[in-house]
Amino acid sequence: MMKRALIGMVCLVTFAGFGNSFAVSDGHYRPDRNHCTNADDNSDTPKYVNPDCKSLIYTLSDGTGHEYFGAGARQTPDGTYANTIDFWFDPGQGQMATWYVDSAGLHGPKMVPSAGPGDPSTGLFIYFGADDNLDGGEHDSSNLINNGPSDGGGMEYNIDPATAAAWVAALQAQDTATLLENPTPLLNAGFGACADGLCISWDTTRRVAYQGLDTTKHRDVANYAGVAWDPYNCAGPSDTVKDCSTPEHPDWTIENWEAQNGTTYIEPGFQLYEDPDPQGSPGVLGLVGIPQNDPYPLPALYIGSCGAILGGGPMQFPAGPNVNSAGQLVISTGCD
């Protein structure tokens, strides 16, 4: 029930603010942009709290990372709901003003040294991120791989001069693959979310959704060809041999699944897919009140500038010229 409320709140906040949102292998949510480390939500330390970490955050920053404005709910220990909200304003001129609100009311402003000079010429970046620590202080990631929370949501709206220069260079070089993967110069935006194994994402450009340890291989999130999925019950809180081993790999933990995974991208357009992070815990049917295991992996859907993908898991297409080894119908336009 609480996870349904969490996802609903993420949707409400995002749609109310900009018209769209949703993420954690979504290509948008990032622990560091929520002022967190990747270990702050590990399930083996459920009462740990990083005082700087925000379970929900809005920020306006530039290309140097300087934040001009921000607001966010502080991380809480397991069993405790968000109860303190911080606000900060830093024009980059030596002083930053901070406030916070808790059950006793508004506190501040407090003036502290600025985080550094800003440089708007490097771009402007609006970011929203929320994770399932909002769900009563949940800590659900694994200390064996430290990937941050498994469920959450994010969105971003960016003016990025660096992408304009790269787009012009690709156009001059007639680099079709790069142009298809990054079709919008200067402006880019997107939103996404993951909850209990189900991820969705919409974007104007290619972004990394999930980074495994094998840097020699990559795939799109919706393309399951060649994927060896971790066992159904392997997840952040259940990361040992008991839940993560298979007959082929009797000694594997979640760490081994992380090691054999490569880079996974979202592409321009819309995609729905199984969470590629082994911390993702299937259970979206239970989330909506259906008492049975999910299909695993969930059938994927992608449509965008890189083509289209449909199927996978229980949805198998017969062998054919446009069907991959995972039984998915794949139509490619030439992205790498």
C-alpha atoms as a PDB file:
ATOM      1  CA  MET A   1       0.000   0.000   0.000  1.00  0.00           C
ATOM      2  CA  MET A   2       2.775   2.416   0.927  1.00  0.00           C
ATOM      3  CA  LYS A   3       4.674   1.761  -2.300  1.00  0.00           C
ATOM      4  CA  ARG A   4       1.553   2.556  -4.285  1.00  0.00           C
ATOM      5  CA  ALA A   5       1.317   5.791  -2.313  1.00  0.00           C
ATOM      6  CA  LEU A   6       4.984   6.532  -2.986  1.00  0.00           C
ATOM      7  CA  ILE A   7       4.696   6.063  -6.741  1.00  0.00           C
ATOM      8  CA  GLY A   8       1.504   8.112  -6.730  1.00  0.00           C
ATOM      9  CA  MET A   9       3.247  10.930  -4.886  1.00  0.00           C
ATOM     10  CA  VAL A  10       6.177  10.872  -7.322  1.00  0.00           C
ATOM     11  CA  CYS A  11       3.730  11.137 -10.225  1.00  0.00           C
ATOM     12  CA  LEU A  12       1.721  13.886  -8.565  1.00  0.00           C
ATOM     13  CA  VAL A  13       4.718  16.036  -7.669  1.00  0.00           C
ATOM     14  CA  THR A  14       6.237  15.657 -11.107  1.00  0.00           C
ATOM     15  CA  PHE A  15       3.137  16.198 -13.195  1.00  0.00           C
ATOM     16  CA  ALA A  16       2.163  19.140 -11.026  1.00  0.00           C
ATOM     17  CA  GLY A  17       5.595  20.723 -11.445  1.00  0.00           C
ATOM     18  CA  PHE A  18       6.336  20.251 -15.128  1.00  0.00           C
ATOM     19  CA  GLY A  19       3.780  18.040 -16.789  1.00  0.00           C
ATOM     20  CA  ASN A  20       5.779  14.800 -16.583  1.00  0.00           C
ATOM     21  CA  SER A  21       7.944  12.466 -14.382  1.00  0.00           C
ATOM     22  CA  PHE A  22       8.918   9.077 -13.006  1.00  0.00           C
ATOM     23  CA  ALA A  23      13.008   6.314 -11.959  1.00  0.00           C
ATOM     24  CA  VAL A  24      16.115   4.216 -10.572  1.00  0.00           C
ATOM     25  CA  SER A  25      17.494   2.246 -13.468  1.00  0.00           C
ATOM     26  CA  ASP A  26      15.592   4.884 -15.386  1.00  0.00           C
ATOM     27  CA  GLY A  27      18.451   7.033 -16.644  1.00  0.00           C
ATOM     28  CA  HIS A  28      17.489  10.066 -14.549  1.00  0.00           C
ATOM     29  CA  TYR A  29      17.586   9.452 -10.795  1.00  0.00           C
ATOM     30  CA  ARG A  30      21.123   9.598  -9.400  1.00  0.00           C
ATOM     31  CA  PRO A  31      22.040   9.218  -5.689  1.00  0.00           C
ATOM     32  CA  ASP A  32      24.695  11.944  -5.926  1.00  0.00           C
ATOM     33  CA  ARG A  33      22.172  14.431  -7.313  1.00  0.00           C
ATOM     34  CA  ASN A  34      20.048  13.675  -4.241  1.00  0.00           C
ATOM     35  CA  HIS A  35      23.140  14.510  -2.144  1.00  0.00           C
ATOM     36  CA  CYS A  36      23.474  10.822  -1.219  1.00  0.00           C
ATOM     37  CA  THR A  37      26.159   8.191  -1.546  1.00  0.00           C
ATOM     38  CA  ASN A  38      25.408   4.852  -3.213  1.00  0.00           C
ATOM     39  CA  ALA A  39      25.574   3.140   0.201  1.00  0.00           C
ATOM     40  CA  ASP A  40      23.166   5.357   2.156  1.00  0.00           C
ATOM     41  CA  ASP A  41      20.143   3.084   1.613  1.00  0.00           C
ATOM     42  CA  ASN A  42      21.835  -0.268   2.166  1.00  0.00           C
ATOM     43  CA  SER A  43      19.546  -2.809   3.790  1.00  0.00           C
ATOM     44  CA  ASP A  44      22.183  -4.044   6.262  1.00  0.00           C
ATOM     45  CA  THR A  45      22.145  -0.618   8.004  1.00  0.00           C
ATOM     46  CA  PRO A  46      18.403   0.191   8.143  1.00  0.00           C
ATOM     47  CA  LYS A  47      18.763   2.859  10.823  1.00  0.00           C
ATOM     48  CA  TYR A  48      21.618   4.715   9.136  1.00  0.00           C
ATOM     49  CA  VAL A  49      20.942   8.293   8.043  1.00  0.00           C
ATOM     50  CA  ASN A  50      23.170  10.598   6.020  1.00  0.00           C
ATOM     51  CA  PRO A  51      22.181  14.110   7.187  1.00  0.00           C
ATOM     52  CA  ASP A  52      22.853  15.528   3.710  1.00  0.00           C
ATOM     53  CA  CYS A  53      20.950  12.830   1.788  1.00  0.00           C
ATOM     54  CA  LYS A  54      17.532  13.733   0.400  1.00  0.00           C
ATOM     55  CA  SER A  55      14.853  11.148  -0.351  1.00  0.00           C
ATOM     56  CA  LEU A  56      13.104  13.762  -2.519  1.00  0.00           C
ATOM     57  CA  ILE A  57      14.766  16.779  -4.099  1.00  0.00           C
ATOM     58  CA  TYR A  58      14.340  19.608  -6.601  1.00  0.00           C
ATOM     59  CA  THR A  59      17.439  21.520  -7.763  1.00  0.00           C
ATOM     60  CA  LEU A  60      18.478  24.159 -10.294  1.00  0.00           C
ATOM     61  CA  SER A  61      22.156  23.903 -11.198  1.00  0.00           C
ATOM     62  CA  ASP A  62      24.656  24.740 -13.943  1.00  0.00           C
ATOM     63  CA  GLY A  63      27.164  22.653 -15.874  1.00  0.00           C
ATOM     64  CA  THR A  64      29.809  22.974 -13.143  1.00  0.00           C
ATOM     65  CA  GLY A  65      27.418  21.338 -10.668  1.00  0.00           C
ATOM     66  CA  HIS A  66      26.768  24.547  -8.745  1.00  0.00           C
ATOM     67  CA  GLU A  67      23.236  24.533  -7.295  1.00  0.00           C
ATOM     68  CA  TYR A  68      21.524  27.924  -7.306  1.00  0.00           C
ATOM     69  CA  PHE A  69      18.414  26.665  -5.564  1.00  0.00           C
ATOM     70  CA  GLY A  70      17.266  23.448  -3.984  1.00  0.00           C
ATOM     71  CA  ALA A  71      14.635  21.917  -1.749  1.00  0.00           C
ATOM     72  CA  GLY A  72      14.468  18.405  -0.382  1.00  0.00           C
ATOM     73  CA  ALA A  73      13.178  16.014   2.257  1.00  0.00           C
ATOM     74  CA  ARG A  74      15.888  14.528   4.471  1.00  0.00           C
ATOM     75  CA  GLN A  75      16.522  10.800   4.491  1.00  0.00           C
ATOM     76  CA  THR A  76      15.031   8.960   7.490  1.00  0.00           C
ATOM     77  CA  PRO A  77      15.813   5.666   9.261  1.00  0.00           C
ATOM     78  CA  ASP A  78      13.705   2.597   8.549  1.00  0.00           C
ATOM     79  CA  GLY A  79      10.293   2.939  10.206  1.00  0.00           C
ATOM     80  CA  THR A  80      10.255   6.759  10.081  1.00  0.00           C
ATOM     81  CA  TYR A  81       8.547   8.916   7.467  1.00  0.00           C
ATOM     82  CA  ALA A  82      10.034  12.126   6.085  1.00  0.00           C
ATOM     83  CA  ASN A  83       9.726  14.892   8.662  1.00  0.00           C
ATOM     84  CA  THR A  84      12.229  17.615   7.735  1.00  0.00           C
ATOM     85  CA  ILE A  85      12.522  19.645   4.535  1.00  0.00           C
ATOM     86  CA  ASP A  86      15.574  21.744   3.663  1.00  0.00           C
ATOM     87  CA  PHE A  87      15.729  24.763   1.360  1.00  0.00           C
ATOM     88  CA  TRP A  88      18.824  26.538   0.077  1.00  0.00           C
ATOM     89  CA  PHE A  89      19.653  29.490  -2.173  1.00  0.00           C
ATOM     90  CA  ASP A  90      23.181  30.092  -3.445  1.00  0.00           C
ATOM     91  CA  PRO A  91      23.703  32.754  -6.144  1.00  0.00           C
ATOM     92  CA  GLY A  92      27.414  31.897  -6.175  1.00  0.00           C
ATOM     93  CA  GLN A  93      28.597  35.168  -4.669  1.00  0.00           C
ATOM     94  CA  GLY A  94      30.147  33.948  -1.418  1.00  0.00           C
ATOM     95  CA  GLN A  95      27.118  33.282   0.792  1.00  0.00           C
ATOM     96  CA  MET A  96      24.418  30.589   0.763  1.00  0.00           C
ATOM     97  CA  ALA A  97      21.141  30.970   2.657  1.00  0.00           C
ATOM     98  CA  THR A  98      19.585  27.830   4.174  1.00  0.00           C
ATOM     99  CA  TRP A  99      16.260  27.123   5.866  1.00  0.00           C
ATOM    100  CA  TYR A 100      14.519  23.999   7.127  1.00  0.00           C
ATOM    101  CA  VAL A 101      10.989  23.097   8.147  1.00  0.00           C
ATOM    102  CA  ASP A 102      10.087  20.451  10.722  1.00  0.00           C
ATOM    103  CA  SER A 103       7.242  19.847  13.177  1.00  0.00           C
ATOM    104  CA  ALA A 104       8.276  22.951  15.114  1.00  0.00           C
ATOM    105  CA  GLY A 105       7.952  25.232  12.081  1.00  0.00           C
ATOM    106  CA  LEU A 106      10.321  27.220   9.862  1.00  0.00           C
ATOM    107  CA  HIS A 107      13.943  27.718  10.933  1.00  0.00           C
ATOM    108  CA  GLY A 108      16.393  30.173   9.336  1.00  0.00           C
ATOM    109  CA  PRO A 109      17.711  31.728   7.319  1.00  0.00           C
ATOM    110  CA  LYS A 110      21.196  30.602   8.246  1.00  0.00           C
ATOM    111  CA  MET A 111      24.043  32.026   6.209  1.00  0.00           C
ATOM    112  CA  VAL A 112      26.950  29.726   5.364  1.00  0.00           C
ATOM    113  CA  PRO A 113      29.850  30.015   2.920  1.00  0.00           C
ATOM    114  CA  SER A 114      28.852  29.515  -0.710  1.00  0.00           C
ATOM    115  CA  ALA A 115      29.552  26.176  -2.339  1.00  0.00           C
ATOM    116  CA  GLY A 116      31.486  28.095  -4.996  1.00  0.00           C
ATOM    117  CA  PRO A 117      30.997  30.443  -7.941  1.00  0.00           C
ATOM    118  CA  GLY A 118      28.371  29.565 -10.487  1.00  0.00           C
ATOM    119  CA  ASP A 119      28.708  29.741 -14.269  1.00  0.00           C
ATOM    120  CA  PRO A 120      25.348  29.850 -16.086  1.00  0.00           C
ATOM    121  CA  SER A 121      27.164  29.875 -19.442  1.00  0.00           C
ATOM    122  CA  THR A 122      27.829  26.155 -18.895  1.00  0.00           C
ATOM    123  CA  GLY A 123      24.095  25.438 -18.993  1.00  0.00           C
ATOM    124  CA  LEU A 124      21.098  25.227 -16.698  1.00  0.00           C
ATOM    125  CA  PHE A 125      19.744  21.937 -15.350  1.00  0.00           C
ATOM    126  CA  ILE A 126      16.454  21.319 -13.517  1.00  0.00           C
ATOM    127  CA  TYR A 127      16.403  18.015 -11.632  1.00  0.00           C
ATOM    128  CA  PHE A 128      13.812  16.162  -9.575  1.00  0.00           C
ATOM    129  CA  GLY A 129      14.581  12.882  -7.844  1.00  0.00           C
ATOM    130  CA  ALA A 130      12.700  10.729  -5.340  1.00  0.00           C
ATOM    131  CA  ASP A 131      13.379   7.267  -3.940  1.00  0.00           C
ATOM    132  CA  ASP A 132      11.609   4.726  -1.766  1.00  0.00           C
ATOM    133  CA  ASN A 133      13.207   5.935   1.451  1.00  0.00           C
ATOM    134  CA  LEU A 134      10.015   8.024   1.387  1.00  0.00           C
ATOM    135  CA  ASP A 135       8.214   4.738   2.067  1.00  0.00           C
ATOM    136  CA  GLY A 136       8.704   4.824   5.837  1.00  0.00           C
ATOM    137  CA  GLY A 137      12.489   5.153   5.658  1.00  0.00           C
ATOM    138  CA  GLU A 138      12.981   2.029   3.554  1.00  0.00           C
ATOM    139  CA  HIS A 139      16.579   0.887   3.031  1.00  0.00           C
ATOM    140  CA  ASP A 140      16.592  -1.733   0.247  1.00  0.00           C
ATOM    141  CA  SER A 141      19.970  -1.689  -1.523  1.00  0.00           C
ATOM    142  CA  SER A 142      22.804  -4.206  -1.175  1.00  0.00           C
ATOM    143  CA  ASN A 143      26.071  -3.503   0.611  1.00  0.00           C
ATOM    144  CA  LEU A 144      27.734  -5.987  -1.760  1.00  0.00           C
ATOM    145  CA  ILE A 145      27.314  -3.707  -4.781  1.00  0.00           C
ATOM    146  CA  ASN A 146      26.259  -0.286  -3.412  1.00  0.00           C
ATOM    147  CA  ASN A 147      24.048   0.826  -6.303  1.00  0.00           C
ATOM    148  CA  GLY A 148      21.729   3.087  -4.319  1.00  0.00           C
ATOM    149  CA  PRO A 149      17.987   2.454  -3.823  1.00  0.00           C
ATOM    150  CA  SER A 150      16.238   0.056  -6.189  1.00  0.00           C
ATOM    151  CA  ASP A 151      12.973   1.985  -6.559  1.00  0.00           C
ATOM    152  CA  GLY A 152      12.380   5.657  -7.217  1.00  0.00           C
ATOM    153  CA  GLY A 153      11.741   8.340  -9.785  1.00  0.00           C
ATOM    154  CA  GLY A 154      13.478  11.186 -11.565  1.00  0.00           C
ATOM    155  CA  MET A 155      13.147  13.836 -14.216  1.00  0.00           C
ATOM    156  CA  GLU A 156      15.376  16.465 -15.779  1.00  0.00           C
ATOM    157  CA  TYR A 157      15.036  19.451 -18.079  1.00  0.00           C
ATOM    158  CA  ASN A 158      18.370  20.707 -19.407  1.00  0.00           C
ATOM    159  CA  ILE A 159      19.889  23.527 -21.444  1.00  0.00           C
ATOM    160  CA  ASP A 160      23.305  22.065 -22.217  1.00  0.00           C
ATOM    161  CA  PRO A 161      25.663  23.932 -24.598  1.00  0.00           C
ATOM    162  CA  ALA A 162      28.088  20.979 -24.613  1.00  0.00           C
ATOM    163  CA  THR A 163      25.502  18.780 -26.326  1.00  0.00           C
ATOM    164  CA  ALA A 164      24.989  21.396 -29.046  1.00  0.00           C
ATOM    165  CA  ALA A 165      28.683  21.318 -29.970  1.00  0.00           C
ATOM    166  CA  ALA A 166      28.687  17.512 -30.006  1.00  0.00           C
ATOM    167  CA  TRP A 167      25.542  17.450 -32.181  1.00  0.00           C
ATOM    168  CA  VAL A 168      27.083  19.840 -34.733  1.00  0.00           C
ATOM    169  CA  ALA A 169      30.253  17.723 -34.842  1.00  0.00           C
ATOM    170  CA  ALA A 170      28.181  14.570 -35.448  1.00  0.00           C
ATOM    171  CA  LEU A 171      26.195  16.335 -38.193  1.00  0.00           C
ATOM    172  CA  GLN A 172      29.371  17.476 -39.939  1.00  0.00           C
ATOM    173  CA  ALA A 173      30.786  13.945 -39.716  1.00  0.00           C
ATOM    174  CA  GLN A 174      27.494  12.466 -40.974  1.00  0.00           C
ATOM    175  CA  ASP A 175      27.513  10.254 -37.885  1.00  0.00           C
ATOM    176  CA  THR A 176      23.987   8.870 -38.199  1.00  0.00           C
ATOM    177  CA  ALA A 177      24.152   6.647 -35.117  1.00  0.00           C
ATOM    178  CA  THR A 178      25.118   9.541 -32.824  1.00  0.00           C
ATOM    179  CA  LEU A 179      22.410  11.783 -34.294  1.00  0.00           C
ATOM    180  CA  LEU A 180      19.752   9.094 -33.766  1.00  0.00           C
ATOM    181  CA  GLU A 181      20.916   8.584 -30.184  1.00  0.00           C
ATOM    182  CA  ASN A 182      21.022  12.330 -29.493  1.00  0.00           C
ATOM    183  CA  PRO A 183      18.535  13.976 -31.861  1.00  0.00           C
ATOM    184  CA  THR A 184      17.972  17.236 -29.950  1.00  0.00           C
ATOM    185  CA  PRO A 185      20.856  19.741 -29.726  1.00  0.00           C
ATOM    186  CA  LEU A 186      21.143  22.139 -26.751  1.00  0.00           C
ATOM    187  CA  LEU A 187      17.832  21.153 -25.103  1.00  0.00           C
ATOM    188  CA  ASN A 188      17.139  17.728 -23.639  1.00  0.00           C
ATOM    189  CA  ALA A 189      14.691  16.319 -21.142  1.00  0.00           C
ATOM    190  CA  GLY A 190      13.260  13.105 -19.779  1.00  0.00           C
ATOM    191  CA  PHE A 191      11.562  11.273 -16.962  1.00  0.00           C
ATOM    192  CA  GLY A 192      11.439   7.741 -15.663  1.00  0.00           C
ATOM    193  CA  ALA A 193      10.682   5.441 -12.737  1.00  0.00           C
ATOM    194  CA  CYS A 194      11.259   1.951 -11.388  1.00  0.00           C
ATOM    195  CA  ALA A 195       9.128   0.058  -8.878  1.00  0.00           C
ATOM    196  CA  ASP A 196       9.376  -3.644  -7.992  1.00  0.00           C
ATOM    197  CA  GLY A 197      11.120  -4.668 -11.208  1.00  0.00           C
ATOM    198  CA  LEU A 198       9.060  -2.541 -13.611  1.00  0.00           C
ATOM    199  CA  CYS A 199      10.796   0.452 -15.182  1.00  0.00           C
ATOM    200  CA  ILE A 200       9.519   3.051 -17.616  1.00  0.00           C
ATOM    201  CA  SER A 201      11.368   5.938 -19.192  1.00  0.00           C
ATOM    202  CA  TRP A 202      10.848   8.657 -21.756  1.00  0.00           C
ATOM    203  CA  ASP A 203      13.721  10.762 -23.014  1.00  0.00           C
ATOM    204  CA  THR A 204      14.988  12.961 -25.809  1.00  0.00           C
ATOM    205  CA  THR A 205      18.516  11.538 -25.669  1.00  0.00           C
ATOM    206  CA  ARG A 206      20.530   8.395 -24.831  1.00  0.00           C
ATOM    207  CA  ARG A 207      21.493   8.063 -21.162  1.00  0.00           C
ATOM    208  CA  VAL A 208      22.968   5.341 -18.991  1.00  0.00           C
ATOM    209  CA  ALA A 209      20.192   3.604 -17.059  1.00  0.00           C
ATOM    210  CA  TYR A 210      22.357   1.080 -15.216  1.00  0.00           C
ATOM    211  CA  GLN A 211      26.091   0.420 -15.110  1.00  0.00           C
ATOM    212  CA  GLY A 212      27.322  -3.089 -14.360  1.00  0.00           C
ATOM    213  CA  LEU A 213      30.993  -3.909 -13.897  1.00  0.00           C
ATOM    214  CA  ASP A 214      31.675  -5.394 -17.346  1.00  0.00           C
ATOM    215  CA  THR A 215      32.601  -2.343 -19.407  1.00  0.00           C
ATOM    216  CA  THR A 216      33.198  -4.396 -22.567  1.00  0.00           C
ATOM    217  CA  LYS A 217      29.512  -4.830 -23.405  1.00  0.00           C
ATOM    218  CA  HIS A 218      26.400  -2.698 -23.658  1.00  0.00           C
ATOM    219  CA  ARG A 219      22.753  -2.981 -24.655  1.00  0.00           C
ATOM    220  CA  ASP A 220      19.510  -1.013 -24.690  1.00  0.00           C
ATOM    221  CA  VAL A 221      17.238  -1.523 -21.683  1.00  0.00           C
ATOM    222  CA  ALA A 222      14.436  -2.992 -23.797  1.00  0.00           C
ATOM    223  CA  ASN A 223      16.688  -5.389 -25.724  1.00  0.00           C
ATOM    224  CA  TYR A 224      17.082  -8.649 -23.772  1.00  0.00           C
ATOM    225  CA  ALA A 225      19.303 -10.479 -26.283  1.00  0.00           C
ATOM    226  CA  GLY A 226      22.117 -12.264 -24.464  1.00  0.00           C
ATOM    227  CA  VAL A 227      20.934 -11.255 -20.999  1.00  0.00           C
ATOM    228  CA  ALA A 228      21.443 -13.736 -18.147  1.00  0.00           C
ATOM    229  CA  TRP A 229      18.899 -12.664 -15.535  1.00  0.00           C
ATOM    230  CA  ASP A 230      19.596 -13.050 -11.830  1.00  0.00           C
ATOM    231  CA  PRO A 231      17.148 -15.316  -9.919  1.00  0.00           C
ATOM    232  CA  TYR A 232      13.667 -13.972  -9.183  1.00  0.00           C
ATOM    233  CA  ASN A 233      14.262 -13.536  -5.428  1.00  0.00           C
ATOM    234  CA  CYS A 234      17.770 -12.070  -5.711  1.00  0.00           C
ATOM    235  CA  ALA A 235      17.532  -8.407  -4.631  1.00  0.00           C
ATOM    236  CA  GLY A 236      19.069  -5.762  -2.380  1.00  0.00           C
ATOM    237  CA  PRO A 237      17.890  -7.208   0.950  1.00  0.00           C
ATOM    238  CA  SER A 238      18.281 -10.831  -0.284  1.00  0.00           C
ATOM    239  CA  ASP A 239      21.725 -10.695  -1.867  1.00  0.00           C
ATOM    240  CA  THR A 240      23.420 -13.892  -0.627  1.00  0.00           C
ATOM    241  CA  VAL A 241      24.018 -17.333  -2.133  1.00  0.00           C
ATOM    242  CA  LYS A 242      20.667 -18.462  -0.732  1.00  0.00           C
ATOM    243  CA  ASP A 243      18.669 -16.238  -3.102  1.00  0.00           C
ATOM    244  CA  CYS A 244      21.167 -15.403  -5.859  1.00  0.00           C
ATOM    245  CA  SER A 245      22.709 -18.775  -6.767  1.00  0.00           C
ATOM    246  CA  THR A 246      21.573 -21.048  -9.609  1.00  0.00           C
ATOM    247  CA  PRO A 247      22.415 -24.648 -10.548  1.00  0.00           C
ATOM    248  CA  GLU A 248      24.912 -23.218 -13.065  1.00  0.00           C
ATOM    249  CA  HIS A 249      26.341 -20.795 -10.498  1.00  0.00           C
ATOM    250  CA  PRO A 250      25.943 -22.456  -7.071  1.00  0.00           C
ATOM    251  CA  ASP A 251      28.203 -19.975  -5.243  1.00  0.00           C
ATOM    252  CA  TRP A 252      27.010 -16.713  -6.751  1.00  0.00           C
ATOM    253  CA  THR A 253      25.783 -13.728  -4.763  1.00  0.00           C
ATOM    254  CA  ILE A 254      24.338 -10.499  -6.138  1.00  0.00           C
ATOM    255  CA  GLU A 255      27.916  -9.283  -6.551  1.00  0.00           C
ATOM    256  CA  ASN A 256      28.572 -11.868  -9.267  1.00  0.00           C
ATOM    257  CA  TRP A 257      25.482 -10.819 -11.235  1.00  0.00           C
ATOM    258  CA  GLU A 258      26.661  -7.216 -11.023  1.00  0.00           C
ATOM    259  CA  ALA A 259      30.084  -8.255 -12.321  1.00  0.00           C
ATOM    260  CA  GLN A 260      28.696  -9.963 -15.434  1.00  0.00           C
ATOM    261  CA  ASN A 261      26.386  -7.093 -16.387  1.00  0.00           C
ATOM    262  CA  GLY A 262      27.507  -4.318 -18.744  1.00  0.00           C
ATOM    263  CA  THR A 263      26.269  -0.822 -19.588  1.00  0.00           C
ATOM    264  CA  THR A 264      22.526  -0.481 -20.187  1.00  0.00           C
ATOM    265  CA  TYR A 265      21.081   2.540 -22.015  1.00  0.00           C
ATOM    266  CA  ILE A 266      17.742   4.230 -22.344  1.00  0.00           C
ATOM    267  CA  GLU A 267      17.249   5.632 -25.850  1.00  0.00           C
ATOM    268  CA  PRO A 268      15.293   8.610 -27.225  1.00  0.00           C
ATOM    269  CA  GLY A 269      11.599   7.770 -27.085  1.00  0.00           C
ATOM    270  CA  PHE A 270       9.499   5.665 -24.717  1.00  0.00           C
ATOM    271  CA  GLN A 271      10.528   2.381 -23.123  1.00  0.00           C
ATOM    272  CA  LEU A 272       9.023  -0.086 -20.650  1.00  0.00           C
ATOM    273  CA  TYR A 273      11.301  -2.871 -19.398  1.00  0.00           C
ATOM    274  CA  GLU A 274      12.484  -5.188 -16.624  1.00  0.00           C
ATOM    275  CA  ASP A 275      14.869  -3.489 -14.179  1.00  0.00           C
ATOM    276  CA  PRO A 276      18.408  -4.419 -15.320  1.00  0.00           C
ATOM    277  CA  ASP A 277      19.884  -3.892 -11.827  1.00  0.00           C
ATOM    278  CA  PRO A 278      20.073  -7.178  -9.861  1.00  0.00           C
ATOM    279  CA  GLN A 279      18.873  -5.166  -6.850  1.00  0.00           C
ATOM    280  CA  GLY A 280      15.488  -4.793  -8.556  1.00  0.00           C
ATOM    281  CA  SER A 281      12.977  -7.057  -6.879  1.00  0.00           C
ATOM    282  CA  PRO A 282      10.125  -8.272  -9.127  1.00  0.00           C
ATOM    283  CA  GLY A 283       6.706  -7.797  -7.576  1.00  0.00           C
ATOM    284  CA  VAL A 284       4.787  -5.169  -9.506  1.00  0.00           C
ATOM    285  CA  LEU A 285       1.700  -7.421  -9.658  1.00  0.00           C
ATOM    286  CA  GLY A 286       1.708  -7.567  -5.870  1.00  0.00           C
ATOM    287  CA  LEU A 287       2.122  -3.788  -5.843  1.00  0.00           C
ATOM    288  CA  VAL A 288      -1.235  -3.451  -7.597  1.00  0.00           C
ATOM    289  CA  GLY A 289      -2.906  -6.147  -5.481  1.00  0.00           C
ATOM    290  CA  ILE A 290      -2.504  -9.279  -7.651  1.00  0.00           C
ATOM    291  CA  PRO A 291      -1.188 -12.078  -5.369  1.00  0.00           C
ATOM    292  CA  GLN A 292       1.149 -13.904  -7.761  1.00  0.00           C
ATOM    293  CA  ASN A 293       4.685 -13.674  -9.125  1.00  0.00           C
ATOM    294  CA  ASP A 294       5.403 -11.347 -12.034  1.00  0.00           C
ATOM    295  CA  PRO A 295       6.310 -12.678 -15.463  1.00  0.00           C
ATOM    296  CA  TYR A 296      10.117 -12.531 -15.371  1.00  0.00           C
ATOM    297  CA  PRO A 297      11.514 -10.762 -17.188  1.00  0.00           C
ATOM    298  CA  LEU A 298       8.579  -8.531 -18.030  1.00  0.00           C
ATOM    299  CA  PRO A 299       7.898  -8.105 -21.770  1.00  0.00           C
ATOM    300  CA  ALA A 300       9.560  -4.947 -23.044  1.00  0.00           C
ATOM    301  CA  LEU A 301       8.330  -2.146 -25.272  1.00  0.00           C
ATOM    302  CA  TYR A 302      10.388   0.539 -26.994  1.00  0.00           C
ATOM    303  CA  ILE A 303       9.498   3.033 -29.689  1.00  0.00           C
ATOM    304  CA  GLY A 304      11.663   5.986 -30.641  1.00  0.00           C
ATOM    305  CA  SER A 305      14.417   7.297 -32.881  1.00  0.00           C
ATOM    306  CA  CYS A 306      16.413   4.057 -32.527  1.00  0.00           C
ATOM    307  CA  GLY A 307      13.516   1.938 -33.813  1.00  0.00           C
ATOM    308  CA  ALA A 308      11.127  -0.372 -31.978  1.00  0.00           C
ATOM    309  CA  ILE A 309      11.288  -3.411 -29.691  1.00  0.00           C
ATOM    310  CA  LEU A 310       8.447  -5.603 -28.454  1.00  0.00           C
ATOM    311  CA  GLY A 311       8.319  -8.769 -26.378  1.00  0.00           C
ATOM    312  CA  GLY A 312      10.633 -10.875 -24.265  1.00  0.00           C
ATOM    313  CA  GLY A 313      10.001 -13.036 -21.221  1.00  0.00           C
ATOM    314  CA  PRO A 314       6.666 -14.824 -21.691  1.00  0.00           C
ATOM    315  CA  MET A 315       5.929 -12.848 -24.877  1.00  0.00           C
ATOM    316  CA  GLN A 316       7.915 -14.716 -27.547  1.00  0.00           C
ATOM    317  CA  PHE A 317       7.860 -14.139 -31.307  1.00  0.00           C
ATOM    318  CA  PRO A 318       8.650 -17.041 -33.666  1.00  0.00           C
ATOM    319  CA  ALA A 319      12.127 -17.042 -35.196  1.00  0.00           C
ATOM    320  CA  GLY A 320      12.458 -14.618 -38.073  1.00  0.00           C
ATOM    321  CA  PRO A 321      14.691 -11.958 -39.640  1.00  0.00           C
ATOM    322  CA  ASN A 322      13.688  -9.257 -37.116  1.00  0.00           C
ATOM    323  CA  VAL A 323      13.493 -11.479 -34.009  1.00  0.00           C
ATOM    324  CA  ASN A 324      16.437 -11.604 -31.620  1.00  0.00           C
ATOM    325  CA  SER A 325      17.673 -14.461 -29.426  1.00  0.00           C
ATOM    326  CA  ALA A 326      15.350 -13.341 -26.603  1.00  0.00           C
ATOM    327  CA  GLY A 327      12.282 -13.820 -28.838  1.00  0.00           C
ATOM    328  CA  GLN A 328      11.746 -10.069 -29.259  1.00  0.00           C
ATOM    329  CA  LEU A 329      10.666  -8.279 -32.402  1.00  0.00           C
ATOM    330  CA  VAL A 330      13.392  -5.713 -33.086  1.00  0.00           C
ATOM    331  CA  ILE A 331      13.345  -2.994 -35.758  1.00  0.00           C
ATOM    332  CA  SER A 332      16.537  -0.926 -35.732  1.00  0.00           C
ATOM    333  CA  THR A 333      17.198   2.419 -37.388  1.00  0.00           C
ATOM    334  CA  GLY A 334      20.985   2.319 -36.929  1.00  0.00           C
ATOM    335  CA  CYS A 335      21.840   3.268 -33.341  1.00  0.00           C
ATOM    336  CA  ASP A 336      24.965   1.656 -31.928  1.00  0.00           C
END
